[in-house]
Amino acid sequence: MHMRIKLFVGLVCVALGLGVAIYQAFQTNWLNALSALLLGPSVGIAFLLDFETSRESFYIQALVGLTAILGIMAILFEHRAFDFKRTEAHAAVLGAFVRMQLACPVMNTELSKIQKEGIMACALQDNSDQVSAIAELQKTTTLGPTLSLVDSVRSAAQKPNADWCAEAFRVAQPLCTEAFVGVRESSKQLLLQKK
């Protein structure tokens, strides 16, 4: 009976890893997907072998180490904090929000409110993304494989942190198009995409 429970838990871990991998692949986070694809079986095998045996297994430790390296690489290459084109777009849109009154001299209360929210969102967005990336890096380096799998499942189930600067831009652009004339078209397109 004890072996059946271990087998069931191991299969659940593999299924969870596969589920997270599929979700991350749909989000085009390929390194995250690969990391989850390896993490699920690693934790599943660790449950089957028992943790003491799995700690002594070179192959399990190598697999766990590879998933940790992939997790760190995923943050560095796929996290929004390291998307420098997006950071540049945030800065350009922030400047446009600051100068909005010059482009649209007739500012009703709705547009004034959107301007204030846009300035705050774009001024804080990159700092917020950097804090999020640091937290993710810390989790990747300190959580063990089992907790990393649980955290991956939890993160996949949660709604991702919004890009509030992009949201403010999407609302403001149709109301005061002239304010964003100086923003590069590539930056506009990047912020108009929902990711």
N, C-alpha and C. Protein backbone atom coordinates (compact mmCIF):
# COMPACT_ATOMS: atom_id res chain seq x y z
N MET A 1 0.83 -1.20 0.00
CA MET A 1 0.00 0.00 0.00
C MET A 1 0.87 1.26 0.00
N HIS A 2 1.96 1.22 0.79
CA HIS A 2 2.86 2.36 0.88
C HIS A 2 3.45 2.70 -0.48
N MET A 3 3.79 1.66 -1.26
CA MET A 3 4.37 1.86 -2.58
C MET A 3 3.34 2.48 -3.53
N ARG A 4 2.06 2.10 -3.39
CA ARG A 4 1.01 2.67 -4.23
C ARG A 4 0.88 4.18 -4.00
N ILE A 5 0.97 4.59 -2.75
CA ILE A 5 0.87 6.02 -2.42
C ILE A 5 2.06 6.76 -3.04
N LYS A 6 3.25 6.18 -2.89
CA LYS A 6 4.44 6.80 -3.49
C LYS A 6 4.29 6.93 -5.00
N LEU A 7 3.80 5.87 -5.63
CA LEU A 7 3.61 5.87 -7.07
C LEU A 7 2.58 6.93 -7.48
N PHE A 8 1.48 7.02 -6.71
CA PHE A 8 0.44 8.01 -7.00
C PHE A 8 1.01 9.43 -6.88
N VAL A 9 1.73 9.71 -5.79
CA VAL A 9 2.31 11.05 -5.59
C VAL A 9 3.32 11.35 -6.69
N GLY A 10 4.13 10.34 -7.06
CA GLY A 10 5.11 10.53 -8.13
C GLY A 10 4.44 10.87 -9.45
N LEU A 11 3.35 10.17 -9.78
CA LEU A 11 2.62 10.44 -11.02
C LEU A 11 1.96 11.82 -10.99
N VAL A 12 1.46 12.22 -9.83
CA VAL A 12 0.86 13.55 -9.69
C VAL A 12 1.93 14.62 -9.95
N CYS A 13 3.12 14.40 -9.40
CA CYS A 13 4.22 15.37 -9.62
C CYS A 13 4.58 15.48 -11.10
N VAL A 14 4.65 14.33 -11.78
CA VAL A 14 4.95 14.33 -13.21
C VAL A 14 3.85 15.07 -13.97
N ALA A 15 2.58 14.79 -13.61
CA ALA A 15 1.45 15.44 -14.28
C ALA A 15 1.46 16.95 -14.04
N LEU A 16 1.77 17.36 -12.80
CA LEU A 16 1.83 18.80 -12.50
C LEU A 16 2.94 19.48 -13.31
N GLY A 17 4.10 18.84 -13.36
CA GLY A 17 5.20 19.39 -14.16
C GLY A 17 4.83 19.50 -15.63
N LEU A 18 4.15 18.49 -16.15
CA LEU A 18 3.72 18.51 -17.55
C LEU A 18 2.69 19.61 -17.78
N GLY A 19 1.76 19.77 -16.84
CA GLY A 19 0.74 20.82 -16.95
C GLY A 19 1.35 22.21 -16.97
N VAL A 20 2.30 22.45 -16.06
CA VAL A 20 2.98 23.75 -16.01
C VAL A 20 3.79 23.97 -17.29
N ALA A 21 4.44 22.92 -17.78
CA ALA A 21 5.23 23.02 -19.01
C ALA A 21 4.35 23.41 -20.19
N ILE A 22 3.18 22.80 -20.30
CA ILE A 22 2.26 23.11 -21.40
C ILE A 22 1.79 24.57 -21.27
N TYR A 23 1.43 24.98 -20.06
CA TYR A 23 0.98 26.36 -19.85
C TYR A 23 2.09 27.35 -20.23
N GLN A 24 3.30 27.10 -19.78
CA GLN A 24 4.42 28.00 -20.08
C GLN A 24 4.74 28.01 -21.58
N ALA A 25 4.58 26.87 -22.23
CA ALA A 25 4.81 26.82 -23.68
C ALA A 25 3.78 27.68 -24.41
N PHE A 26 2.53 27.64 -23.97
CA PHE A 26 1.49 28.49 -24.57
C PHE A 26 1.78 29.97 -24.34
N GLN A 27 2.48 30.29 -23.25
CA GLN A 27 2.87 31.68 -22.96
C GLN A 27 4.17 32.06 -23.67
N THR A 28 4.71 31.13 -24.45
CA THR A 28 6.00 31.24 -25.16
C THR A 28 7.18 31.46 -24.20
N ASN A 29 7.08 30.93 -23.01
CA ASN A 29 8.18 30.93 -22.04
C ASN A 29 8.86 29.56 -22.15
N TRP A 30 9.70 29.41 -23.16
CA TRP A 30 10.24 28.09 -23.48
C TRP A 30 11.19 27.55 -22.42
N LEU A 31 12.00 28.40 -21.83
CA LEU A 31 12.91 27.92 -20.78
C LEU A 31 12.15 27.51 -19.53
N ASN A 32 11.12 28.28 -19.18
CA ASN A 32 10.27 27.89 -18.06
C ASN A 32 9.58 26.56 -18.33
N ALA A 33 9.12 26.38 -19.57
CA ALA A 33 8.45 25.13 -19.94
C ALA A 33 9.40 23.95 -19.81
N LEU A 34 10.62 24.12 -20.30
CA LEU A 34 11.62 23.04 -20.22
C LEU A 34 11.97 22.73 -18.76
N SER A 35 12.11 23.78 -17.96
CA SER A 35 12.41 23.60 -16.54
C SER A 35 11.31 22.80 -15.85
N ALA A 36 10.05 23.16 -16.10
CA ALA A 36 8.91 22.45 -15.48
C ALA A 36 8.83 21.01 -15.98
N LEU A 37 9.16 20.82 -17.27
CA LEU A 37 9.12 19.48 -17.85
C LEU A 37 10.13 18.55 -17.17
N LEU A 38 11.26 19.10 -16.76
CA LEU A 38 12.27 18.31 -16.05
C LEU A 38 12.00 18.23 -14.55
N LEU A 39 11.40 19.30 -13.99
CA LEU A 39 11.18 19.36 -12.55
C LEU A 39 10.14 18.34 -12.08
N GLY A 40 9.05 18.19 -12.83
CA GLY A 40 8.00 17.24 -12.45
C GLY A 40 8.53 15.81 -12.27
N PRO A 41 9.19 15.24 -13.29
CA PRO A 41 9.75 13.89 -13.13
C PRO A 41 10.82 13.81 -12.04
N SER A 42 11.62 14.87 -11.87
CA SER A 42 12.66 14.86 -10.82
C SER A 42 12.02 14.68 -9.45
N VAL A 43 10.99 15.46 -9.18
CA VAL A 43 10.31 15.36 -7.88
C VAL A 43 9.57 14.03 -7.77
N GLY A 44 8.94 13.60 -8.87
CA GLY A 44 8.24 12.30 -8.87
C GLY A 44 9.17 11.14 -8.56
N ILE A 45 10.34 11.13 -9.17
CA ILE A 45 11.32 10.06 -8.92
C ILE A 45 11.85 10.15 -7.49
N ALA A 46 12.03 11.38 -6.99
CA ALA A 46 12.49 11.56 -5.61
C ALA A 46 11.47 10.96 -4.63
N PHE A 47 10.18 11.12 -4.90
CA PHE A 47 9.16 10.51 -4.04
C PHE A 47 9.22 8.99 -4.11
N LEU A 48 9.43 8.45 -5.31
CA LEU A 48 9.49 7.00 -5.46
C LEU A 48 10.71 6.40 -4.76
N LEU A 49 11.85 7.06 -4.87
CA LEU A 49 13.09 6.53 -4.29
C LEU A 49 13.21 6.80 -2.80
N ASP A 50 12.50 7.71 -2.28
CA ASP A 50 12.56 8.34 -0.97
C ASP A 50 13.68 9.39 -1.01
N PHE A 51 13.52 10.41 -0.23
CA PHE A 51 14.37 11.58 -0.35
C PHE A 51 15.83 11.30 0.00
N GLU A 52 16.08 10.40 0.93
CA GLU A 52 17.48 10.10 1.31
C GLU A 52 18.23 9.49 0.14
N THR A 53 17.59 8.52 -0.52
CA THR A 53 18.22 7.87 -1.68
C THR A 53 18.39 8.86 -2.83
N SER A 54 17.37 9.70 -3.05
CA SER A 54 17.45 10.64 -4.16
C SER A 54 18.53 11.70 -3.93
N ARG A 55 18.79 12.04 -2.66
CA ARG A 55 19.87 13.00 -2.36
C ARG A 55 21.24 12.42 -2.70
N GLU A 56 21.36 11.12 -2.60
CA GLU A 56 22.63 10.46 -2.89
C GLU A 56 22.79 10.10 -4.37
N SER A 57 21.71 10.20 -5.13
CA SER A 57 21.75 9.84 -6.55
C SER A 57 22.35 10.97 -7.37
N PHE A 58 23.43 10.66 -8.07
CA PHE A 58 24.09 11.65 -8.91
C PHE A 58 23.14 12.13 -10.00
N TYR A 59 22.39 11.21 -10.61
CA TYR A 59 21.52 11.56 -11.73
C TYR A 59 20.38 12.47 -11.29
N ILE A 60 19.78 12.18 -10.15
CA ILE A 60 18.70 13.03 -9.64
C ILE A 60 19.24 14.41 -9.29
N GLN A 61 20.38 14.47 -8.63
CA GLN A 61 20.97 15.76 -8.27
C GLN A 61 21.36 16.56 -9.50
N ALA A 62 21.87 15.87 -10.53
CA ALA A 62 22.22 16.55 -11.78
C ALA A 62 20.98 17.10 -12.46
N LEU A 63 19.89 16.33 -12.44
CA LEU A 63 18.63 16.78 -13.03
C LEU A 63 18.06 17.97 -12.27
N VAL A 64 18.12 17.91 -10.94
CA VAL A 64 17.64 19.03 -10.11
C VAL A 64 18.50 20.27 -10.36
N GLY A 65 19.81 20.09 -10.44
CA GLY A 65 20.70 21.21 -10.73
C GLY A 65 20.43 21.83 -12.09
N LEU A 66 20.16 20.98 -13.09
CA LEU A 66 19.84 21.47 -14.43
C LEU A 66 18.54 22.27 -14.42
N THR A 67 17.53 21.79 -13.67
CA THR A 67 16.27 22.55 -13.61
C THR A 67 16.47 23.89 -12.91
N ALA A 68 17.34 23.94 -11.91
CA ALA A 68 17.62 25.21 -11.23
C ALA A 68 18.31 26.18 -12.19
N ILE A 69 19.28 25.69 -12.95
CA ILE A 69 19.97 26.55 -13.93
C ILE A 69 18.99 27.03 -14.99
N LEU A 70 18.13 26.13 -15.47
CA LEU A 70 17.11 26.54 -16.45
C LEU A 70 16.15 27.56 -15.86
N GLY A 71 15.80 27.39 -14.57
CA GLY A 71 14.92 28.35 -13.91
C GLY A 71 15.54 29.74 -13.84
N ILE A 72 16.83 29.80 -13.51
CA ILE A 72 17.52 31.08 -13.45
C ILE A 72 17.61 31.70 -14.85
N MET A 73 17.95 30.89 -15.85
CA MET A 73 18.02 31.38 -17.21
C MET A 73 16.65 31.87 -17.69
N ALA A 74 15.59 31.15 -17.29
CA ALA A 74 14.23 31.55 -17.69
C ALA A 74 13.91 32.94 -17.16
N ILE A 75 14.30 33.22 -15.93
CA ILE A 75 14.05 34.54 -15.35
C ILE A 75 14.85 35.60 -16.11
N LEU A 76 16.11 35.32 -16.36
CA LEU A 76 16.98 36.29 -17.02
C LEU A 76 16.56 36.57 -18.47
N PHE A 77 16.03 35.56 -19.15
CA PHE A 77 15.71 35.73 -20.57
C PHE A 77 14.22 35.93 -20.84
N GLU A 78 13.34 35.55 -19.90
CA GLU A 78 11.91 35.60 -20.19
C GLU A 78 11.11 36.52 -19.27
N HIS A 79 11.71 37.00 -18.20
CA HIS A 79 10.97 37.88 -17.29
C HIS A 79 10.89 39.29 -17.88
N ARG A 80 9.76 39.93 -17.67
CA ARG A 80 9.52 41.27 -18.22
C ARG A 80 10.55 42.30 -17.75
N ALA A 81 11.12 42.11 -16.57
CA ALA A 81 12.10 43.06 -16.03
C ALA A 81 13.34 43.16 -16.92
N PHE A 82 13.63 42.11 -17.68
CA PHE A 82 14.82 42.10 -18.52
C PHE A 82 14.50 42.32 -20.00
N ASP A 83 13.28 42.74 -20.28
CA ASP A 83 12.88 43.08 -21.64
C ASP A 83 13.17 44.57 -21.84
N PHE A 84 14.35 44.87 -22.37
CA PHE A 84 14.80 46.25 -22.44
C PHE A 84 14.01 47.08 -23.45
N LYS A 85 13.43 46.45 -24.44
CA LYS A 85 12.56 47.18 -25.38
C LYS A 85 11.30 47.65 -24.65
N ARG A 86 10.80 46.83 -23.76
CA ARG A 86 9.61 47.22 -22.99
C ARG A 86 9.97 48.34 -22.01
N THR A 87 11.14 48.26 -21.40
CA THR A 87 11.59 49.32 -20.49
C THR A 87 11.70 50.64 -21.24
N GLU A 88 12.24 50.59 -22.45
CA GLU A 88 12.36 51.79 -23.29
C GLU A 88 10.96 52.33 -23.64
N ALA A 89 10.02 51.43 -23.93
CA ALA A 89 8.65 51.84 -24.26
C ALA A 89 7.99 52.50 -23.05
N HIS A 90 8.22 51.95 -21.85
CA HIS A 90 7.67 52.55 -20.62
C HIS A 90 8.18 53.98 -20.45
N ALA A 91 9.47 54.17 -20.68
CA ALA A 91 10.07 55.51 -20.51
C ALA A 91 9.49 56.49 -21.52
N ALA A 92 9.32 56.04 -22.77
CA ALA A 92 8.77 56.92 -23.81
C ALA A 92 7.33 57.31 -23.50
N VAL A 93 6.55 56.34 -23.05
CA VAL A 93 5.14 56.60 -22.73
C VAL A 93 5.04 57.48 -21.49
N LEU A 94 5.94 57.29 -20.52
CA LEU A 94 5.96 58.15 -19.34
C LEU A 94 6.16 59.61 -19.76
N GLY A 95 7.13 59.84 -20.64
CA GLY A 95 7.37 61.20 -21.14
C GLY A 95 6.14 61.77 -21.83
N ALA A 96 5.45 60.92 -22.59
CA ALA A 96 4.23 61.37 -23.28
C ALA A 96 3.13 61.72 -22.28
N PHE A 97 3.01 60.92 -21.23
CA PHE A 97 2.00 61.23 -20.20
C PHE A 97 2.32 62.57 -19.52
N VAL A 98 3.59 62.80 -19.23
CA VAL A 98 4.00 64.04 -18.55
C VAL A 98 3.65 65.26 -19.42
N ARG A 99 3.86 65.13 -20.74
CA ARG A 99 3.62 66.25 -21.66
C ARG A 99 2.21 66.25 -22.26
N MET A 100 1.33 65.42 -21.75
CA MET A 100 0.01 65.25 -22.35
C MET A 100 -0.76 66.56 -22.46
N GLN A 101 -0.65 67.44 -21.50
CA GLN A 101 -1.41 68.69 -21.51
C GLN A 101 -1.01 69.59 -22.68
N LEU A 102 0.22 69.46 -23.16
CA LEU A 102 0.66 70.26 -24.31
C LEU A 102 0.01 69.75 -25.59
N ALA A 103 -0.12 68.42 -25.70
CA ALA A 103 -0.70 67.83 -26.91
C ALA A 103 -2.23 67.91 -26.91
N CYS A 104 -2.81 67.80 -25.75
CA CYS A 104 -4.27 67.84 -25.63
C CYS A 104 -4.64 68.92 -24.61
N PRO A 105 -4.65 70.18 -25.03
CA PRO A 105 -4.87 71.27 -24.08
C PRO A 105 -6.23 71.22 -23.39
N VAL A 106 -7.23 70.62 -24.04
CA VAL A 106 -8.54 70.50 -23.39
C VAL A 106 -8.56 69.16 -22.65
N MET A 107 -8.28 69.23 -21.36
CA MET A 107 -8.20 68.01 -20.54
C MET A 107 -9.45 67.95 -19.66
N ASN A 108 -10.33 67.01 -19.97
CA ASN A 108 -11.48 66.81 -19.07
C ASN A 108 -11.03 66.03 -17.85
N THR A 109 -11.91 65.86 -16.89
CA THR A 109 -11.52 65.20 -15.63
C THR A 109 -11.09 63.75 -15.86
N GLU A 110 -11.75 63.08 -16.82
CA GLU A 110 -11.40 61.68 -17.09
C GLU A 110 -9.97 61.59 -17.63
N LEU A 111 -9.64 62.46 -18.58
CA LEU A 111 -8.30 62.43 -19.16
C LEU A 111 -7.24 62.86 -18.15
N SER A 112 -7.56 63.81 -17.29
CA SER A 112 -6.63 64.22 -16.23
C SER A 112 -6.35 63.07 -15.28
N LYS A 113 -7.40 62.32 -14.94
CA LYS A 113 -7.24 61.17 -14.05
C LYS A 113 -6.38 60.09 -14.73
N ILE A 114 -6.64 59.84 -16.01
CA ILE A 114 -5.86 58.85 -16.76
C ILE A 114 -4.40 59.29 -16.84
N GLN A 115 -4.17 60.59 -17.03
CA GLN A 115 -2.80 61.11 -17.10
C GLN A 115 -2.07 60.84 -15.79
N LYS A 116 -2.70 61.17 -14.66
CA LYS A 116 -2.06 60.95 -13.35
C LYS A 116 -1.77 59.47 -13.12
N GLU A 117 -2.75 58.63 -13.44
CA GLU A 117 -2.55 57.18 -13.27
C GLU A 117 -1.46 56.67 -14.20
N GLY A 118 -1.41 57.21 -15.43
CA GLY A 118 -0.38 56.79 -16.38
C GLY A 118 1.01 57.18 -15.93
N ILE A 119 1.14 58.40 -15.40
CA ILE A 119 2.44 58.85 -14.90
C ILE A 119 2.90 57.94 -13.76
N MET A 120 2.00 57.68 -12.83
CA MET A 120 2.38 56.83 -11.70
C MET A 120 2.70 55.40 -12.15
N ALA A 121 1.85 54.84 -13.02
CA ALA A 121 2.06 53.46 -13.48
C ALA A 121 3.37 53.32 -14.23
N CYS A 122 3.65 54.24 -15.15
CA CYS A 122 4.86 54.13 -15.96
C CYS A 122 6.13 54.45 -15.17
N ALA A 123 6.00 55.32 -14.16
CA ALA A 123 7.16 55.64 -13.32
C ALA A 123 7.53 54.46 -12.42
N LEU A 124 6.55 53.68 -12.01
CA LEU A 124 6.81 52.59 -11.06
C LEU A 124 6.91 51.21 -11.71
N GLN A 125 6.48 51.07 -12.97
CA GLN A 125 6.38 49.75 -13.59
C GLN A 125 7.70 48.98 -13.60
N ASP A 126 8.77 49.62 -14.04
CA ASP A 126 10.04 48.90 -14.15
C ASP A 126 10.60 48.50 -12.79
N ASN A 127 10.42 49.36 -11.78
CA ASN A 127 10.85 49.00 -10.42
C ASN A 127 10.05 47.80 -9.91
N SER A 128 8.76 47.81 -10.16
CA SER A 128 7.91 46.69 -9.75
C SER A 128 8.35 45.40 -10.43
N ASP A 129 8.64 45.48 -11.73
CA ASP A 129 9.09 44.30 -12.47
C ASP A 129 10.43 43.79 -11.94
N GLN A 130 11.34 44.71 -11.58
CA GLN A 130 12.64 44.31 -11.06
C GLN A 130 12.52 43.62 -9.70
N VAL A 131 11.65 44.15 -8.85
CA VAL A 131 11.41 43.52 -7.55
C VAL A 131 10.85 42.11 -7.75
N SER A 132 9.93 41.98 -8.69
CA SER A 132 9.35 40.67 -9.00
C SER A 132 10.42 39.70 -9.50
N ALA A 133 11.32 40.17 -10.36
CA ALA A 133 12.39 39.31 -10.88
C ALA A 133 13.34 38.88 -9.77
N ILE A 134 13.66 39.79 -8.85
CA ILE A 134 14.54 39.45 -7.73
C ILE A 134 13.89 38.39 -6.85
N ALA A 135 12.59 38.56 -6.59
CA ALA A 135 11.87 37.57 -5.78
C ALA A 135 11.87 36.20 -6.46
N GLU A 136 11.68 36.20 -7.79
CA GLU A 136 11.69 34.93 -8.53
C GLU A 136 13.08 34.29 -8.50
N LEU A 137 14.13 35.09 -8.66
CA LEU A 137 15.50 34.56 -8.58
C LEU A 137 15.78 33.97 -7.20
N GLN A 138 15.31 34.67 -6.17
CA GLN A 138 15.54 34.19 -4.81
C GLN A 138 14.82 32.85 -4.59
N LYS A 139 13.59 32.76 -5.08
CA LYS A 139 12.85 31.49 -4.93
C LYS A 139 13.55 30.37 -5.68
N THR A 140 14.05 30.68 -6.87
CA THR A 140 14.71 29.65 -7.68
C THR A 140 15.96 29.12 -6.99
N THR A 141 16.67 29.99 -6.30
CA THR A 141 17.93 29.56 -5.68
C THR A 141 17.75 28.99 -4.27
N THR A 142 16.63 29.27 -3.60
CA THR A 142 16.49 28.82 -2.22
C THR A 142 15.49 27.67 -2.03
N LEU A 143 14.46 27.61 -2.86
CA LEU A 143 13.48 26.53 -2.70
C LEU A 143 14.07 25.23 -3.24
N GLY A 144 13.76 24.15 -2.60
CA GLY A 144 14.16 22.85 -3.12
C GLY A 144 13.28 22.46 -4.28
N PRO A 145 13.54 21.29 -4.88
CA PRO A 145 12.76 20.89 -6.05
C PRO A 145 11.26 20.73 -5.78
N THR A 146 10.90 20.17 -4.63
CA THR A 146 9.48 19.95 -4.33
C THR A 146 8.75 21.28 -4.18
N LEU A 147 9.32 22.20 -3.42
CA LEU A 147 8.68 23.51 -3.24
C LEU A 147 8.72 24.31 -4.54
N SER A 148 9.75 24.12 -5.36
CA SER A 148 9.81 24.80 -6.65
C SER A 148 8.67 24.34 -7.55
N LEU A 149 8.38 23.03 -7.51
CA LEU A 149 7.26 22.50 -8.30
C LEU A 149 5.94 23.09 -7.81
N VAL A 150 5.76 23.12 -6.49
CA VAL A 150 4.54 23.70 -5.91
C VAL A 150 4.42 25.18 -6.30
N ASP A 151 5.53 25.91 -6.22
CA ASP A 151 5.51 27.33 -6.58
C ASP A 151 5.23 27.52 -8.07
N SER A 152 5.75 26.64 -8.92
CA SER A 152 5.48 26.72 -10.36
C SER A 152 4.01 26.52 -10.65
N VAL A 153 3.40 25.56 -9.96
CA VAL A 153 1.96 25.30 -10.14
C VAL A 153 1.16 26.51 -9.65
N ARG A 154 1.54 27.05 -8.50
CA ARG A 154 0.84 28.22 -7.94
C ARG A 154 0.97 29.41 -8.88
N SER A 155 2.16 29.65 -9.41
CA SER A 155 2.38 30.77 -10.32
C SER A 155 1.59 30.62 -11.61
N ALA A 156 1.51 29.38 -12.12
CA ALA A 156 0.75 29.15 -13.36
C ALA A 156 -0.75 29.35 -13.13
N ALA A 157 -1.21 29.05 -11.91
CA ALA A 157 -2.64 29.20 -11.61
C ALA A 157 -3.03 30.65 -11.36
N GLN A 158 -2.06 31.48 -10.96
CA GLN A 158 -2.35 32.88 -10.67
C GLN A 158 -2.34 33.72 -11.94
N LYS A 159 -3.08 34.80 -11.90
CA LYS A 159 -3.04 35.77 -13.00
C LYS A 159 -1.69 36.47 -12.95
N PRO A 160 -0.98 36.57 -14.10
CA PRO A 160 0.33 37.23 -14.08
C PRO A 160 0.21 38.71 -13.72
N ASN A 161 1.28 39.25 -13.15
CA ASN A 161 1.30 40.68 -12.81
C ASN A 161 1.07 41.50 -14.06
N ALA A 162 0.17 42.45 -13.96
CA ALA A 162 -0.16 43.28 -15.12
C ALA A 162 0.93 44.29 -15.40
N ASP A 163 1.03 44.69 -16.64
CA ASP A 163 1.87 45.81 -17.03
C ASP A 163 0.96 47.04 -16.98
N TRP A 164 0.94 47.70 -15.83
CA TRP A 164 0.01 48.82 -15.61
C TRP A 164 0.31 49.99 -16.52
N CYS A 165 1.57 50.17 -16.88
CA CYS A 165 1.94 51.24 -17.80
C CYS A 165 1.30 50.99 -19.18
N ALA A 166 1.40 49.75 -19.64
CA ALA A 166 0.78 49.39 -20.93
C ALA A 166 -0.74 49.55 -20.87
N GLU A 167 -1.31 49.15 -19.72
CA GLU A 167 -2.77 49.30 -19.55
C GLU A 167 -3.17 50.76 -19.64
N ALA A 168 -2.42 51.63 -18.96
CA ALA A 168 -2.73 53.07 -18.99
C ALA A 168 -2.58 53.62 -20.41
N PHE A 169 -1.56 53.16 -21.13
CA PHE A 169 -1.36 53.60 -22.51
C PHE A 169 -2.52 53.19 -23.39
N ARG A 170 -3.00 51.94 -23.23
CA ARG A 170 -4.12 51.45 -24.04
C ARG A 170 -5.38 52.28 -23.83
N VAL A 171 -5.58 52.76 -22.60
CA VAL A 171 -6.75 53.58 -22.31
C VAL A 171 -6.56 55.00 -22.83
N ALA A 172 -5.37 55.56 -22.66
CA ALA A 172 -5.14 56.97 -22.99
C ALA A 172 -4.97 57.23 -24.47
N GLN A 173 -4.38 56.30 -25.20
CA GLN A 173 -4.05 56.58 -26.60
C GLN A 173 -5.26 56.97 -27.45
N PRO A 174 -6.38 56.27 -27.37
CA PRO A 174 -7.52 56.70 -28.20
C PRO A 174 -8.10 58.05 -27.78
N LEU A 175 -7.92 58.42 -26.51
CA LEU A 175 -8.50 59.67 -26.01
C LEU A 175 -7.62 60.87 -26.33
N CYS A 176 -6.31 60.66 -26.46
CA CYS A 176 -5.39 61.77 -26.75
C CYS A 176 -4.24 61.23 -27.59
N THR A 177 -4.55 60.88 -28.84
CA THR A 177 -3.57 60.28 -29.75
C THR A 177 -2.36 61.17 -29.97
N GLU A 178 -2.59 62.49 -29.99
CA GLU A 178 -1.52 63.44 -30.28
C GLU A 178 -0.39 63.37 -29.24
N ALA A 179 -0.73 63.00 -28.02
CA ALA A 179 0.28 62.95 -26.95
C ALA A 179 1.34 61.89 -27.22
N PHE A 180 0.99 60.86 -27.99
CA PHE A 180 1.88 59.73 -28.19
C PHE A 180 2.50 59.71 -29.58
N VAL A 181 2.41 60.83 -30.30
CA VAL A 181 2.97 60.91 -31.65
C VAL A 181 4.48 60.68 -31.63
N GLY A 182 5.18 61.18 -30.62
CA GLY A 182 6.63 61.04 -30.54
C GLY A 182 7.11 59.67 -30.10
N VAL A 183 6.21 58.80 -29.69
CA VAL A 183 6.59 57.44 -29.25
C VAL A 183 6.77 56.57 -30.49
N ARG A 184 7.87 55.84 -30.53
CA ARG A 184 8.14 54.96 -31.68
C ARG A 184 6.97 54.00 -31.89
N GLU A 185 6.73 53.68 -33.15
CA GLU A 185 5.65 52.76 -33.50
C GLU A 185 5.90 51.37 -32.90
N SER A 186 7.17 50.94 -32.88
CA SER A 186 7.50 49.61 -32.32
C SER A 186 7.18 49.57 -30.82
N SER A 187 7.42 50.68 -30.12
CA SER A 187 7.10 50.75 -28.69
C SER A 187 5.60 50.71 -28.47
N LYS A 188 4.86 51.42 -29.31
CA LYS A 188 3.40 51.41 -29.21
C LYS A 188 2.86 50.00 -29.41
N GLN A 189 3.36 49.33 -30.46
CA GLN A 189 2.89 47.98 -30.77
C GLN A 189 3.21 47.01 -29.63
N LEU A 190 4.38 47.17 -29.03
CA LEU A 190 4.78 46.32 -27.92
C LEU A 190 3.82 46.48 -26.74
N LEU A 191 3.46 47.72 -26.43
CA LEU A 191 2.57 47.98 -25.29
C LEU A 191 1.12 47.64 -25.61
N LEU A 192 0.75 47.63 -26.87
CA LEU A 192 -0.61 47.27 -27.24
C LEU A 192 -0.84 45.76 -27.17
N GLN A 193 0.25 44.99 -27.28
CA GLN A 193 0.13 43.52 -27.17
C GLN A 193 -0.21 43.14 -25.75
N LYS A 194 -1.11 42.19 -25.60
CA LYS A 194 -1.42 41.71 -24.26
C LYS A 194 -0.66 40.43 -24.04
N LYS A 195 0.22 40.46 -23.03
CA LYS A 195 0.99 39.26 -22.68
C LYS A 195 0.90 39.02 -21.21
